[in-house]
Amino acid sequence: MTTLQQAYSVTPMTPAKDATAQQQRDFFRERAAMFSSVARTDRDHRWEALACVWLEQEKVDQIEQALKCPK
């Protein structure tokens, strides 16, 4: 991806409904990496892309915490 608009247009917002916790974690990790790449290439939307990285990483962290301490 080179622009934030392209990232939004080709990437699903959520993982598949039947995704395992590990698959969900990997999905959000990939999205965080994608937005990090966008932040480097789309200078006009750098801060928005970095905010997306942070949000996606928060999801990863929540899933990893749930995997460590299941209810």
Protein backbone atom coordinates (compact mmCIF):
# COMPACT_ATOMS: atom_id res chain seq x y z
CA MET A 1 0.00 0.00 0.00
CA THR A 2 1.16 3.48 -0.62
CA THR A 3 -1.77 5.58 0.60
CA LEU A 4 -4.15 5.39 3.49
CA GLN A 5 -7.11 5.45 1.11
CA GLN A 6 -5.75 2.38 -0.70
CA ALA A 7 -5.26 0.58 2.61
CA TYR A 8 -8.85 1.24 3.62
CA SER A 9 -10.22 0.19 0.23
CA VAL A 10 -8.55 -3.20 -0.07
CA THR A 11 -8.28 -4.45 3.51
CA PRO A 12 -11.20 -5.86 5.47
CA MET A 13 -11.87 -4.09 8.77
CA THR A 14 -12.40 -7.26 10.78
CA PRO A 15 -11.27 -10.87 10.60
CA ALA A 16 -13.61 -13.63 9.49
CA LYS A 17 -16.41 -14.36 11.95
CA ASP A 18 -15.16 -17.92 12.46
CA ALA A 19 -11.50 -16.91 12.98
CA THR A 20 -9.74 -18.38 15.98
CA ALA A 21 -8.18 -16.05 18.54
CA GLN A 22 -4.76 -16.70 17.01
CA GLN A 23 -6.08 -15.90 13.53
CA GLN A 24 -7.67 -12.71 14.84
CA ARG A 25 -4.37 -11.72 16.48
CA ASP A 26 -2.48 -12.37 13.23
CA PHE A 27 -5.09 -10.41 11.25
CA PHE A 28 -4.66 -7.35 13.46
CA ARG A 29 -0.86 -7.71 13.45
CA GLU A 30 -0.90 -7.66 9.65
CA ARG A 31 -3.14 -4.57 9.66
CA ALA A 32 -0.78 -2.82 12.10
CA ALA A 33 2.18 -3.61 9.84
CA MET A 34 0.27 -2.38 6.80
CA PHE A 35 -0.62 0.93 8.47
CA SER A 36 2.98 1.31 9.62
CA SER A 37 4.08 0.97 6.01
CA VAL A 38 1.44 3.49 4.93
CA ALA A 39 2.72 5.96 7.55
CA ARG A 40 6.11 5.85 5.83
CA THR A 41 4.76 6.33 2.30
CA ASP A 42 1.68 8.57 2.67
CA ARG A 43 3.18 11.62 4.34
CA ASP A 44 -0.11 13.57 4.12
CA HIS A 45 -1.81 10.96 6.32
CA ARG A 46 1.14 9.88 8.45
CA TRP A 47 -0.40 10.68 11.82
CA GLU A 48 -3.73 9.07 10.96
CA ALA A 49 -1.92 5.93 9.81
CA LEU A 50 0.12 5.88 13.03
CA ALA A 51 -3.10 6.16 15.03
CA CYS A 52 -4.39 3.14 13.10
CA VAL A 53 -1.21 1.25 13.99
CA TRP A 54 -1.82 2.02 17.65
CA LEU A 55 -5.48 0.90 17.48
CA GLU A 56 -4.63 -2.34 15.72
CA GLN A 57 -1.82 -3.06 18.18
CA GLU A 58 -4.25 -2.50 21.06
CA LYS A 59 -6.44 -5.24 19.59
CA VAL A 60 -3.43 -7.55 19.30
CA ASP A 61 -2.51 -6.87 22.92
CA GLN A 62 -6.06 -7.56 24.12
CA ILE A 63 -6.22 -10.86 22.26
CA GLU A 64 -2.80 -11.92 23.56
CA GLN A 65 -3.87 -11.09 27.10
CA ALA A 66 -7.04 -13.14 26.67
CA LEU A 67 -5.00 -16.06 25.34
CA LYS A 68 -2.73 -15.91 28.39
CA CYS A 69 -5.57 -15.65 30.92
CA PRO A 70 -8.68 -17.38 29.56
CA LYS A 71 -11.84 -16.94 31.62
